[in-house]
């Protein structure tokens, strides 16, 4: 059985030029918000910023709301960096 407290959720609203990510815990408390450009050169900084919210034993789950296909590059980047990615 999974312990809900061991997860951190990052919901990403994807757009053509910029993305907005909101980080929440299992109690739906907002821990942070990150805005970043939709270009591969910005993805590593985004992931590093997300990791500042992560403690030992915590799994990050990324939920991407990809309506126009603007999140394909980000999704590929996250998967290639062994992150859990879900389409929402």
PDB file of N, CA and C in Angstrom:
ATOM      1  N   UNK A   1       0.842  -1.182   0.000  1.00  0.00           N
ATOM      2  CA  UNK A   1       0.000   0.000   0.000  1.00  0.00           C
ATOM      3  C   UNK A   1       0.890   1.248   0.000  1.00  0.00           C
ATOM      4  N   UNK A   2       0.496   2.248  -0.752  1.00  0.00           N
ATOM      5  CA  UNK A   2       1.255   3.489  -0.855  1.00  0.00           C
ATOM      6  C   UNK A   2       0.855   4.453   0.260  1.00  0.00           C
ATOM      7  N   UNK A   3       1.847   5.076   0.857  1.00  0.00           N
ATOM      8  CA  UNK A   3       1.601   6.092   1.868  1.00  0.00           C
ATOM      9  C   UNK A   3       1.490   7.441   1.166  1.00  0.00           C
ATOM     10  N   UNK A   4       0.346   8.068   1.251  1.00  0.00           N
ATOM     11  CA  UNK A   4       0.098   9.338   0.548  1.00  0.00           C
ATOM     12  C   UNK A   4       1.102  10.417   0.925  1.00  0.00           C
ATOM     13  N   UNK A   5       1.634  10.347   2.121  1.00  0.00           N
ATOM     14  CA  UNK A   5       2.566  11.368   2.584  1.00  0.00           C
ATOM     15  C   UNK A   5       3.919  11.285   1.891  1.00  0.00           C
ATOM     16  N   UNK A   6       4.149  10.224   1.147  1.00  0.00           N
ATOM     17  CA  UNK A   6       5.427  10.037   0.456  1.00  0.00           C
ATOM     18  C   UNK A   6       5.432  10.615  -0.955  1.00  0.00           C
ATOM     19  N   UNK A   7       4.410  11.400  -1.284  1.00  0.00           N
ATOM     20  CA  UNK A   7       4.309  11.954  -2.635  1.00  0.00           C
ATOM     21  C   UNK A   7       4.196  13.475  -2.604  1.00  0.00           C
ATOM     22  N   UNK A   8       4.774  14.072  -3.625  1.00  0.00           N
ATOM     23  CA  UNK A   8       4.661  15.503  -3.876  1.00  0.00           C
ATOM     24  C   UNK A   8       4.121  15.629  -5.291  1.00  0.00           C
ATOM     25  N   UNK A   9       3.161  16.490  -5.495  1.00  0.00           N
ATOM     26  CA  UNK A   9       2.505  16.606  -6.795  1.00  0.00           C
ATOM     27  C   UNK A   9       2.830  17.950  -7.442  1.00  0.00           C
ATOM     28  N   UNK A  10       3.200  17.890  -8.710  1.00  0.00           N
ATOM     29  CA  UNK A  10       3.521  19.093  -9.470  1.00  0.00           C
ATOM     30  C   UNK A  10       2.586  19.140 -10.672  1.00  0.00           C
ATOM     31  N   UNK A  11       1.608  20.025 -10.618  1.00  0.00           N
ATOM     32  CA  UNK A  11       0.690  20.211 -11.734  1.00  0.00           C
ATOM     33  C   UNK A  11       1.231  21.295 -12.648  1.00  0.00           C
ATOM     34  N   UNK A  12       1.327  20.990 -13.932  1.00  0.00           N
ATOM     35  CA  UNK A  12       1.913  21.946 -14.870  1.00  0.00           C
ATOM     36  C   UNK A  12       0.874  22.347 -15.911  1.00  0.00           C
ATOM     37  N   UNK A  13       0.586  23.642 -15.968  1.00  0.00           N
ATOM     38  CA  UNK A  13      -0.296  24.221 -16.980  1.00  0.00           C
ATOM     39  C   UNK A  13       0.604  24.641 -18.140  1.00  0.00           C
ATOM     40  N   UNK A  14       0.417  24.006 -19.269  1.00  0.00           N
ATOM     41  CA  UNK A  14       1.332  24.150 -20.404  1.00  0.00           C
ATOM     42  C   UNK A  14       0.800  25.138 -21.432  1.00  0.00           C
ATOM     43  N   UNK A  15       1.698  26.000 -21.895  1.00  0.00           N
ATOM     44  CA  UNK A  15       1.353  26.992 -22.910  1.00  0.00           C
ATOM     45  C   UNK A  15       2.450  27.055 -23.959  1.00  0.00           C
ATOM     46  N   UNK A  16       2.192  27.756 -25.022  1.00  0.00           N
ATOM     47  CA  UNK A  16       3.130  27.816 -26.145  1.00  0.00           C
ATOM     48  C   UNK A  16       4.488  28.389 -25.741  1.00  0.00           C
ATOM     49  N   UNK A  17       4.497  29.464 -24.966  1.00  0.00           N
ATOM     50  CA  UNK A  17       5.761  30.131 -24.644  1.00  0.00           C
ATOM     51  C   UNK A  17       6.222  29.935 -23.203  1.00  0.00           C
ATOM     52  N   UNK A  18       5.287  29.830 -22.255  1.00  0.00           N
ATOM     53  CA  UNK A  18       5.636  29.691 -20.839  1.00  0.00           C
ATOM     54  C   UNK A  18       4.756  28.630 -20.188  1.00  0.00           C
ATOM     55  N   UNK A  19       5.300  27.974 -19.176  1.00  0.00           N
ATOM     56  CA  UNK A  19       4.554  27.004 -18.381  1.00  0.00           C
ATOM     57  C   UNK A  19       4.467  27.526 -16.946  1.00  0.00           C
ATOM     58  N   UNK A  20       3.422  27.103 -16.249  1.00  0.00           N
ATOM     59  CA  UNK A  20       3.274  27.413 -14.830  1.00  0.00           C
ATOM     60  C   UNK A  20       3.066  26.110 -14.078  1.00  0.00           C
ATOM     61  N   UNK A  21       3.890  25.889 -13.069  1.00  0.00           N
ATOM     62  CA  UNK A  21       3.796  24.680 -12.255  1.00  0.00           C
ATOM     63  C   UNK A  21       3.409  25.063 -10.831  1.00  0.00           C
ATOM     64  N   UNK A  22       2.519  24.271 -10.241  1.00  0.00           N
ATOM     65  CA  UNK A  22       2.130  24.447  -8.846  1.00  0.00           C
ATOM     66  C   UNK A  22       2.475  23.158  -8.113  1.00  0.00           C
ATOM     67  N   UNK A  23       3.123  23.302  -6.972  1.00  0.00           N
ATOM     68  CA  UNK A  23       3.566  22.157  -6.183  1.00  0.00           C
ATOM     69  C   UNK A  23       2.667  22.046  -4.962  1.00  0.00           C
ATOM     70  N   UNK A  24       2.093  20.847  -4.751  1.00  0.00           N
ATOM     71  CA  UNK A  24       1.233  20.613  -3.589  1.00  0.00           C
ATOM     72  C   UNK A  24       1.637  19.310  -2.902  1.00  0.00           C
ATOM     73  N   UNK A  25       1.220  19.190  -1.639  1.00  0.00           N
ATOM     74  CA  UNK A  25       1.434  17.942  -0.916  1.00  0.00           C
ATOM     75  C   UNK A  25       0.142  17.124  -0.930  1.00  0.00           C
ATOM     76  N   UNK A  26       0.126  16.026  -0.189  1.00  0.00           N
ATOM     77  CA  UNK A  26      -1.041  15.132  -0.214  1.00  0.00           C
ATOM     78  C   UNK A  26      -2.271  15.742   0.443  1.00  0.00           C
ATOM     79  N   UNK A  27      -2.103  16.830   1.184  1.00  0.00           N
ATOM     80  CA  UNK A  27      -3.234  17.517   1.811  1.00  0.00           C
ATOM     81  C   UNK A  27      -3.712  18.688   0.959  1.00  0.00           C
ATOM     82  N   UNK A  28      -3.226  18.751  -0.268  1.00  0.00           N
ATOM     83  CA  UNK A  28      -3.565  19.796  -1.233  1.00  0.00           C
ATOM     84  C   UNK A  28      -3.158  21.189  -0.758  1.00  0.00           C
ATOM     85  N   UNK A  29      -2.103  21.241   0.040  1.00  0.00           N
ATOM     86  CA  UNK A  29      -1.546  22.520   0.468  1.00  0.00           C
ATOM     87  C   UNK A  29      -0.541  22.978  -0.579  1.00  0.00           C
ATOM     88  N   UNK A  30      -0.698  24.194  -1.035  1.00  0.00           N
ATOM     89  CA  UNK A  30       0.215  24.742  -2.036  1.00  0.00           C
ATOM     90  C   UNK A  30       1.551  25.062  -1.380  1.00  0.00           C
ATOM     91  N   UNK A  31       2.599  24.464  -1.914  1.00  0.00           N
ATOM     92  CA  UNK A  31       3.942  24.673  -1.382  1.00  0.00           C
ATOM     93  C   UNK A  31       4.734  25.681  -2.199  1.00  0.00           C
ATOM     94  N   UNK A  32       4.389  25.803  -3.473  1.00  0.00           N
ATOM     95  CA  UNK A  32       5.123  26.729  -4.319  1.00  0.00           C
ATOM     96  C   UNK A  32       4.553  26.810  -5.712  1.00  0.00           C
ATOM     97  N   UNK A  33       5.028  27.786  -6.443  1.00  0.00           N
ATOM     98  CA  UNK A  33       4.628  27.990  -7.841  1.00  0.00           C
ATOM     99  C   UNK A  33       5.870  28.395  -8.627  1.00  0.00           C
ATOM    100  N   UNK A  34       6.020  27.803  -9.800  1.00  0.00           N
ATOM    101  CA  UNK A  34       7.184  28.063 -10.640  1.00  0.00           C
ATOM    102  C   UNK A  34       6.706  28.391 -12.044  1.00  0.00           C
ATOM    103  N   UNK A  35       7.207  29.476 -12.600  1.00  0.00           N
ATOM    104  CA  UNK A  35       6.948  29.805 -14.002  1.00  0.00           C
ATOM    105  C   UNK A  35       8.261  29.693 -14.755  1.00  0.00           C
ATOM    106  N   UNK A  36       8.196  29.087 -15.938  1.00  0.00           N
ATOM    107  CA  UNK A  36       9.413  28.901 -16.721  1.00  0.00           C
ATOM    108  C   UNK A  36       9.074  28.863 -18.199  1.00  0.00           C
ATOM    109  N   UNK A  37      10.090  29.133 -19.014  1.00  0.00           N
ATOM    110  CA  UNK A  37       9.895  29.175 -20.459  1.00  0.00           C
ATOM    111  C   UNK A  37       9.738  27.770 -21.033  1.00  0.00           C
ATOM    112  N   UNK A  38       8.970  27.683 -22.106  1.00  0.00           N
ATOM    113  CA  UNK A  38       8.775  26.415 -22.800  1.00  0.00           C
ATOM    114  C   UNK A  38       9.900  26.221 -23.813  1.00  0.00           C
ATOM    115  N   UNK A  39      11.070  25.957 -23.289  1.00  0.00           N
ATOM    116  CA  UNK A  39      12.200  25.618 -24.147  1.00  0.00           C
ATOM    117  C   UNK A  39      13.118  24.685 -23.364  1.00  0.00           C
ATOM    118  N   UNK A  40      13.692  23.715 -24.037  1.00  0.00           N
ATOM    119  CA  UNK A  40      14.503  22.704 -23.355  1.00  0.00           C
ATOM    120  C   UNK A  40      15.600  23.273 -22.460  1.00  0.00           C
ATOM    121  N   UNK A  41      16.150  24.409 -22.801  1.00  0.00           N
ATOM    122  CA  UNK A  41      17.214  24.985 -21.975  1.00  0.00           C
ATOM    123  C   UNK A  41      16.711  25.426 -20.597  1.00  0.00           C
ATOM    124  N   UNK A  42      15.404  25.576 -20.415  1.00  0.00           N
ATOM    125  CA  UNK A  42      14.834  25.985 -19.125  1.00  0.00           C
ATOM    126  C   UNK A  42      14.401  24.797 -18.268  1.00  0.00           C
ATOM    127  N   UNK A  43      14.340  23.609 -18.854  1.00  0.00           N
ATOM    128  CA  UNK A  43      13.794  22.454 -18.142  1.00  0.00           C
ATOM    129  C   UNK A  43      14.681  21.994 -16.987  1.00  0.00           C
ATOM    130  N   UNK A  44      15.994  22.030 -17.154  1.00  0.00           N
ATOM    131  CA  UNK A  44      16.873  21.561 -16.074  1.00  0.00           C
ATOM    132  C   UNK A  44      16.757  22.472 -14.850  1.00  0.00           C
ATOM    133  N   UNK A  45      16.668  23.773 -15.064  1.00  0.00           N
ATOM    134  CA  UNK A  45      16.502  24.709 -13.944  1.00  0.00           C
ATOM    135  C   UNK A  45      15.166  24.463 -13.243  1.00  0.00           C
ATOM    136  N   UNK A  46      14.120  24.197 -14.019  1.00  0.00           N
ATOM    137  CA  UNK A  46      12.810  23.890 -13.456  1.00  0.00           C
ATOM    138  C   UNK A  46      12.889  22.654 -12.562  1.00  0.00           C
ATOM    139  N   UNK A  47      13.496  21.586 -13.067  1.00  0.00           N
ATOM    140  CA  UNK A  47      13.593  20.353 -12.292  1.00  0.00           C
ATOM    141  C   UNK A  47      14.422  20.572 -11.024  1.00  0.00           C
ATOM    142  N   UNK A  48      15.486  21.327 -11.116  1.00  0.00           N
ATOM    143  CA  UNK A  48      16.293  21.636  -9.926  1.00  0.00           C
ATOM    144  C   UNK A  48      15.485  22.415  -8.893  1.00  0.00           C
ATOM    145  N   UNK A  49      14.657  23.330  -9.358  1.00  0.00           N
ATOM    146  CA  UNK A  49      13.824  24.104  -8.433  1.00  0.00           C
ATOM    147  C   UNK A  49      12.781  23.216  -7.761  1.00  0.00           C
ATOM    148  N   UNK A  50      12.193  22.302  -8.518  1.00  0.00           N
ATOM    149  CA  UNK A  50      11.238  21.357  -7.929  1.00  0.00           C
ATOM    150  C   UNK A  50      11.935  20.527  -6.854  1.00  0.00           C
ATOM    151  N   UNK A  51      13.149  20.100  -7.119  1.00  0.00           N
ATOM    152  CA  UNK A  51      13.876  19.240  -6.180  1.00  0.00           C
ATOM    153  C   UNK A  51      14.165  19.929  -4.852  1.00  0.00           C
ATOM    154  N   UNK A  52      14.091  21.257  -4.796  1.00  0.00           N
ATOM    155  CA  UNK A  52      14.296  21.948  -3.519  1.00  0.00           C
ATOM    156  C   UNK A  52      13.139  21.690  -2.549  1.00  0.00           C
ATOM    157  N   UNK A  53      12.007  21.206  -3.051  1.00  0.00           N
ATOM    158  CA  UNK A  53      10.855  20.890  -2.218  1.00  0.00           C
ATOM    159  C   UNK A  53      10.841  19.432  -1.772  1.00  0.00           C
ATOM    160  N   UNK A  54      11.771  18.632  -2.252  1.00  0.00           N
ATOM    161  CA  UNK A  54      11.744  17.185  -2.049  1.00  0.00           C
ATOM    162  C   UNK A  54      12.663  16.784  -0.899  1.00  0.00           C
ATOM    163  N   UNK A  55      12.119  15.979   0.020  1.00  0.00           N
ATOM    164  CA  UNK A  55      12.899  15.400   1.109  1.00  0.00           C
ATOM    165  C   UNK A  55      13.152  13.927   0.790  1.00  0.00           C
ATOM    166  N   UNK A  56      14.021  13.294   1.565  1.00  0.00           N
ATOM    167  CA  UNK A  56      14.293  11.868   1.373  1.00  0.00           C
ATOM    168  C   UNK A  56      13.009  11.057   1.480  1.00  0.00           C
ATOM    169  N   UNK A  57      12.864  10.090   0.606  1.00  0.00           N
ATOM    170  CA  UNK A  57      11.710   9.206   0.631  1.00  0.00           C
ATOM    171  C   UNK A  57      10.485   9.748  -0.075  1.00  0.00           C
ATOM    172  N   UNK A  58      10.582  10.923  -0.664  1.00  0.00           N
ATOM    173  CA  UNK A  58       9.447  11.541  -1.352  1.00  0.00           C
ATOM    174  C   UNK A  58       9.551  11.289  -2.851  1.00  0.00           C
ATOM    175  N   UNK A  59       8.447  10.874  -3.444  1.00  0.00           N
ATOM    176  CA  UNK A  59       8.358  10.685  -4.888  1.00  0.00           C
ATOM    177  C   UNK A  59       7.570  11.840  -5.481  1.00  0.00           C
ATOM    178  N   UNK A  60       8.116  12.444  -6.516  1.00  0.00           N
ATOM    179  CA  UNK A  60       7.435  13.548  -7.201  1.00  0.00           C
ATOM    180  C   UNK A  60       6.624  12.977  -8.355  1.00  0.00           C
ATOM    181  N   UNK A  61       5.374  13.415  -8.466  1.00  0.00           N
ATOM    182  CA  UNK A  61       4.508  13.031  -9.578  1.00  0.00           C
ATOM    183  C   UNK A  61       4.155  14.308 -10.336  1.00  0.00           C
ATOM    184  N   UNK A  62       4.508  14.340 -11.618  1.00  0.00           N
ATOM    185  CA  UNK A  62       4.208  15.489 -12.469  1.00  0.00           C
ATOM    186  C   UNK A  62       2.913  15.214 -13.223  1.00  0.00           C
ATOM    187  N   UNK A  63       1.955  16.121 -13.117  1.00  0.00           N
ATOM    188  CA  UNK A  63       0.718  16.040 -13.882  1.00  0.00           C
ATOM    189  C   UNK A  63       0.721  17.139 -14.930  1.00  0.00           C
ATOM    190  N   UNK A  64       0.738  16.745 -16.194  1.00  0.00           N
ATOM    191  CA  UNK A  64       0.811  17.721 -17.281  1.00  0.00           C
ATOM    192  C   UNK A  64      -0.543  17.849 -17.961  1.00  0.00           C
ATOM    193  N   UNK A  65      -1.049  19.065 -18.027  1.00  0.00           N
ATOM    194  CA  UNK A  65      -2.298  19.346 -18.732  1.00  0.00           C
ATOM    195  C   UNK A  65      -1.912  19.844 -20.123  1.00  0.00           C
ATOM    196  N   UNK A  66      -1.796  18.899 -21.042  1.00  0.00           N
ATOM    197  CA  UNK A  66      -1.233  19.204 -22.361  1.00  0.00           C
ATOM    198  C   UNK A  66      -2.319  19.241 -23.426  1.00  0.00           C
ATOM    199  N   UNK A  67      -3.004  20.364 -23.526  1.00  0.00           N
ATOM    200  CA  UNK A  67      -4.112  20.494 -24.471  1.00  0.00           C
ATOM    201  C   UNK A  67      -3.626  20.679 -25.906  1.00  0.00           C
ATOM    202  N   UNK A  68      -2.660  21.542 -26.121  1.00  0.00           N
ATOM    203  CA  UNK A  68      -2.223  21.863 -27.479  1.00  0.00           C
ATOM    204  C   UNK A  68      -0.946  21.185 -27.921  1.00  0.00           C
ATOM    205  N   UNK A  69      -0.477  20.203 -27.159  1.00  0.00           N
ATOM    206  CA  UNK A  69       0.772  19.545 -27.514  1.00  0.00           C
ATOM    207  C   UNK A  69       2.005  20.337 -27.118  1.00  0.00           C
ATOM    208  N   UNK A  70       1.813  21.391 -26.307  1.00  0.00           N
ATOM    209  CA  UNK A  70       2.934  22.253 -25.930  1.00  0.00           C
ATOM    210  C   UNK A  70       3.856  21.617 -24.890  1.00  0.00           C
ATOM    211  N   UNK A  71       3.440  20.520 -24.286  1.00  0.00           N
ATOM    212  CA  UNK A  71       4.240  19.903 -23.234  1.00  0.00           C
ATOM    213  C   UNK A  71       5.031  18.692 -23.653  1.00  0.00           C
ATOM    214  N   UNK A  72       5.026  18.381 -24.933  1.00  0.00           N
ATOM    215  CA  UNK A  72       5.722  17.173 -25.393  1.00  0.00           C
ATOM    216  C   UNK A  72       7.203  17.191 -25.030  1.00  0.00           C
ATOM    217  N   UNK A  73       7.879  18.282 -25.290  1.00  0.00           N
ATOM    218  CA  UNK A  73       9.319  18.356 -25.002  1.00  0.00           C
ATOM    219  C   UNK A  73       9.576  18.235 -23.498  1.00  0.00           C
ATOM    220  N   UNK A  74       8.743  18.884 -22.685  1.00  0.00           N
ATOM    221  CA  UNK A  74       8.906  18.795 -21.237  1.00  0.00           C
ATOM    222  C   UNK A  74       8.654  17.368 -20.758  1.00  0.00           C
ATOM    223  N   UNK A  75       7.604  16.738 -21.253  1.00  0.00           N
ATOM    224  CA  UNK A  75       7.303  15.362 -20.856  1.00  0.00           C
ATOM    225  C   UNK A  75       8.461  14.430 -21.196  1.00  0.00           C
ATOM    226  N   UNK A  76       9.002  14.560 -22.391  1.00  0.00           N
ATOM    227  CA  UNK A  76      10.141  13.727 -22.788  1.00  0.00           C
ATOM    228  C   UNK A  76      11.340  13.989 -21.884  1.00  0.00           C
ATOM    229  N   UNK A  77      11.594  15.243 -21.563  1.00  0.00           N
ATOM    230  CA  UNK A  77      12.707  15.592 -20.686  1.00  0.00           C
ATOM    231  C   UNK A  77      12.529  14.932 -19.315  1.00  0.00           C
ATOM    232  N   UNK A  78      11.341  15.067 -18.738  1.00  0.00           N
ATOM    233  CA  UNK A  78      11.092  14.509 -17.413  1.00  0.00           C
ATOM    234  C   UNK A  78      11.209  12.988 -17.410  1.00  0.00           C
ATOM    235  N   UNK A  79      10.648  12.332 -18.410  1.00  0.00           N
ATOM    236  CA  UNK A  79      10.741  10.870 -18.502  1.00  0.00           C
ATOM    237  C   UNK A  79      12.198  10.444 -18.652  1.00  0.00           C
ATOM    238  N   UNK A  80      12.950  11.151 -19.478  1.00  0.00           N
ATOM    239  CA  UNK A  80      14.371  10.837 -19.662  1.00  0.00           C
ATOM    240  C   UNK A  80      15.177  11.038 -18.380  1.00  0.00           C
ATOM    241  N   UNK A  81      14.646  11.843 -17.460  1.00  0.00           N
ATOM    242  CA  UNK A  81      15.306  12.061 -16.172  1.00  0.00           C
ATOM    243  C   UNK A  81      14.614  11.268 -15.059  1.00  0.00           C
ATOM    244  N   UNK A  82      13.965  10.176 -15.456  1.00  0.00           N
ATOM    245  CA  UNK A  82      13.380   9.183 -14.542  1.00  0.00           C
ATOM    246  C   UNK A  82      12.350   9.767 -13.581  1.00  0.00           C
ATOM    247  N   UNK A  83      11.558  10.704 -14.071  1.00  0.00           N
ATOM    248  CA  UNK A  83      10.482  11.293 -13.282  1.00  0.00           C
ATOM    249  C   UNK A  83       9.162  10.609 -13.629  1.00  0.00           C
ATOM    250  N   UNK A  84       8.235  10.609 -12.676  1.00  0.00           N
ATOM    251  CA  UNK A  84       6.897  10.064 -12.898  1.00  0.00           C
ATOM    252  C   UNK A  84       6.064  11.156 -13.555  1.00  0.00           C
ATOM    253  N   UNK A  85       5.527  10.859 -14.745  1.00  0.00           N
ATOM    254  CA  UNK A  85       4.755  11.846 -15.503  1.00  0.00           C
ATOM    255  C   UNK A  85       3.388  11.261 -15.836  1.00  0.00           C
ATOM    256  N   UNK A  86       2.353  12.021 -15.540  1.00  0.00           N
ATOM    257  CA  UNK A  86       0.975  11.632 -15.848  1.00  0.00           C
ATOM    258  C   UNK A  86       0.329  12.740 -16.664  1.00  0.00           C
ATOM    259  N   UNK A  87      -0.504  12.354 -17.627  1.00  0.00           N
ATOM    260  CA  UNK A  87      -1.288  13.343 -18.367  1.00  0.00           C
ATOM    261  C   UNK A  87      -2.611  13.510 -17.649  1.00  0.00           C
ATOM    262  N   UNK A  88      -2.957  14.771 -17.360  1.00  0.00           N
ATOM    263  CA  UNK A  88      -4.213  15.028 -16.641  1.00  0.00           C
ATOM    264  C   UNK A  88      -5.140  15.870 -17.477  1.00  0.00           C
TER     265      UNK A  88
END
